[in-house]
């Protein structure tokens, strides 16, 4: 997938998918690269994310920042995370992972309004960059 803030890639961000409702499993984790790209891994092992409904929350990738989460939560630059996205109980990012899988583009705004989550066919992510 890819993660953007104000149409700019978000780098060095840990991204967590927390299942909601009847979605099975414990969720998945990934980390964005310099282009905002991420690959998810199930928290109990294995590639990808199980199909279902998720709340997505973000936090600084520990290896990238070395800072305490509160130190970076208030900034809105492309490599910092607005606090609205950090709390897994109140993050406004919601997504559905389809049975057929694929990629996901997540477009965020600093205030948590007008979020856009788009599922993409896997072929969009298979081609070499």
Protein backbone atom coordinates (compact mmCIF):
# COMPACT_ATOMS: atom_id res chain seq x y z
CA UNK A 1 0.00 0.00 0.00
CA UNK A 2 0.89 3.68 0.14
CA UNK A 3 0.33 6.32 2.80
CA UNK A 4 0.01 10.04 2.03
CA UNK A 5 -0.46 13.24 4.03
CA UNK A 6 -1.70 16.19 1.95
CA UNK A 7 -0.72 14.22 -1.20
CA UNK A 8 2.88 13.77 0.02
CA UNK A 9 4.25 10.31 0.93
CA UNK A 10 4.59 9.68 4.66
CA UNK A 11 7.91 8.05 5.42
CA UNK A 12 9.12 6.14 8.48
CA UNK A 13 5.62 5.57 9.85
CA UNK A 14 4.46 2.36 11.48
CA UNK A 15 0.95 1.46 10.37
CA UNK A 16 -1.30 -0.92 12.31
CA UNK A 17 -4.54 -2.55 11.15
CA UNK A 18 -6.77 -3.41 14.14
CA UNK A 19 -9.69 -5.73 13.30
CA UNK A 20 -13.19 -4.56 14.17
CA UNK A 21 -16.57 -6.27 14.31
CA UNK A 22 -16.44 -9.92 13.30
CA UNK A 23 -13.09 -9.69 11.46
CA UNK A 24 -10.92 -12.57 12.70
CA UNK A 25 -7.30 -12.33 13.77
CA UNK A 26 -5.11 -9.97 15.73
CA UNK A 27 -4.36 -7.44 13.01
CA UNK A 28 -1.31 -6.55 10.97
CA UNK A 29 1.66 -4.19 11.03
CA UNK A 30 3.84 -2.47 8.44
CA UNK A 31 6.32 0.42 8.09
CA UNK A 32 6.42 2.98 5.30
CA UNK A 33 9.52 3.65 3.21
CA UNK A 34 10.70 6.95 1.71
CA UNK A 35 7.91 6.78 -0.91
CA UNK A 36 5.19 6.04 1.63
CA UNK A 37 4.99 2.39 0.52
CA UNK A 38 4.23 -0.32 3.05
CA UNK A 39 3.73 -4.08 3.15
CA UNK A 40 1.63 -5.56 5.90
CA UNK A 41 2.45 -8.63 7.97
CA UNK A 42 -0.01 -10.42 10.22
CA UNK A 43 1.00 -9.88 13.86
CA UNK A 44 1.07 -13.65 14.35
CA UNK A 45 3.16 -14.30 11.25
CA UNK A 46 2.50 -14.44 7.55
CA UNK A 47 2.19 -11.87 4.81
CA UNK A 48 -0.75 -9.55 4.29
CA UNK A 49 -3.97 -8.76 6.09
CA UNK A 50 -7.02 -10.99 6.51
CA UNK A 51 -10.16 -9.80 4.69
CA UNK A 52 -12.49 -7.73 6.84
CA UNK A 53 -13.06 -4.40 8.56
CA UNK A 54 -10.22 -2.48 10.24
CA UNK A 55 -9.42 0.66 12.15
CA UNK A 56 -5.98 1.87 11.14
CA UNK A 57 -3.70 3.81 13.44
CA UNK A 58 -0.21 5.20 12.97
CA UNK A 59 2.83 5.77 15.12
CA UNK A 60 6.46 6.76 14.57
CA UNK A 61 8.57 3.86 13.36
CA UNK A 62 10.92 3.32 16.33
CA UNK A 63 14.00 2.65 14.21
CA UNK A 64 13.38 5.84 12.27
CA UNK A 65 12.84 8.45 14.98
CA UNK A 66 14.02 7.23 18.35
CA UNK A 67 11.68 9.83 19.89
CA UNK A 68 8.91 9.39 22.37
CA UNK A 69 5.53 9.19 20.62
CA UNK A 70 4.25 12.40 22.26
CA UNK A 71 7.20 14.35 20.83
CA UNK A 72 6.12 13.79 17.24
CA UNK A 73 2.36 13.56 17.63
CA UNK A 74 1.70 17.26 17.31
CA UNK A 75 3.56 17.99 14.08
CA UNK A 76 1.82 17.90 10.69
CA UNK A 77 4.83 17.75 8.35
CA UNK A 78 4.94 14.83 5.93
CA UNK A 79 7.20 12.74 8.16
CA UNK A 80 5.37 13.49 11.42
CA UNK A 81 2.03 12.13 12.55
CA UNK A 82 -0.90 14.26 13.71
CA UNK A 83 -2.14 13.01 17.08
CA UNK A 84 -5.62 12.26 15.67
CA UNK A 85 -4.16 9.14 13.98
CA UNK A 86 -2.19 7.70 16.89
CA UNK A 87 -4.87 6.44 19.29
CA UNK A 88 -6.17 3.05 18.10
CA UNK A 89 -9.47 3.62 19.91
CA UNK A 90 -10.26 6.89 18.16
CA UNK A 91 -8.33 6.93 14.87
CA UNK A 92 -10.69 8.06 12.09
CA UNK A 93 -9.06 5.79 9.48
CA UNK A 94 -11.35 2.88 8.62
CA UNK A 95 -10.81 0.38 5.83
CA UNK A 96 -12.21 -2.79 4.34
CA UNK A 97 -9.76 -5.39 3.08
CA UNK A 98 -11.49 -7.31 0.28
CA UNK A 99 -11.38 -11.11 -0.04
CA UNK A 100 -9.43 -10.79 -3.31
CA UNK A 101 -6.72 -8.77 -1.54
CA UNK A 102 -4.73 -6.08 -3.29
CA UNK A 103 -3.12 -2.85 -2.25
CA UNK A 104 -4.48 0.19 -0.48
CA UNK A 105 -3.82 3.89 -0.84
CA UNK A 106 -4.55 5.97 2.24
CA UNK A 107 -4.80 9.75 1.79
CA UNK A 108 -4.83 11.72 5.06
CA UNK A 109 -5.24 15.32 6.13
CA UNK A 110 -3.69 16.95 9.23
CA UNK A 111 -7.07 17.35 10.96
CA UNK A 112 -8.42 13.83 10.32
CA UNK A 113 -11.21 15.08 8.03
CA UNK A 114 -11.81 14.04 4.41
CA UNK A 115 -9.74 10.86 4.63
CA UNK A 116 -9.73 8.77 1.48
CA UNK A 117 -8.95 5.03 1.50
CA UNK A 118 -8.82 3.36 -1.90
CA UNK A 119 -8.41 -0.36 -2.55
CA UNK A 120 -6.18 -1.08 -5.54
CA UNK A 121 -5.78 -4.26 -7.61
CA UNK A 122 -2.68 -6.21 -6.64
CA UNK A 123 -1.33 -5.73 -10.19
CA UNK A 124 -0.79 -2.03 -9.34
CA UNK A 125 1.80 -3.11 -6.76
CA UNK A 126 3.40 -6.03 -8.58
CA UNK A 127 5.08 -4.03 -11.34
CA UNK A 128 8.72 -3.01 -10.73
CA UNK A 129 9.31 0.59 -9.68
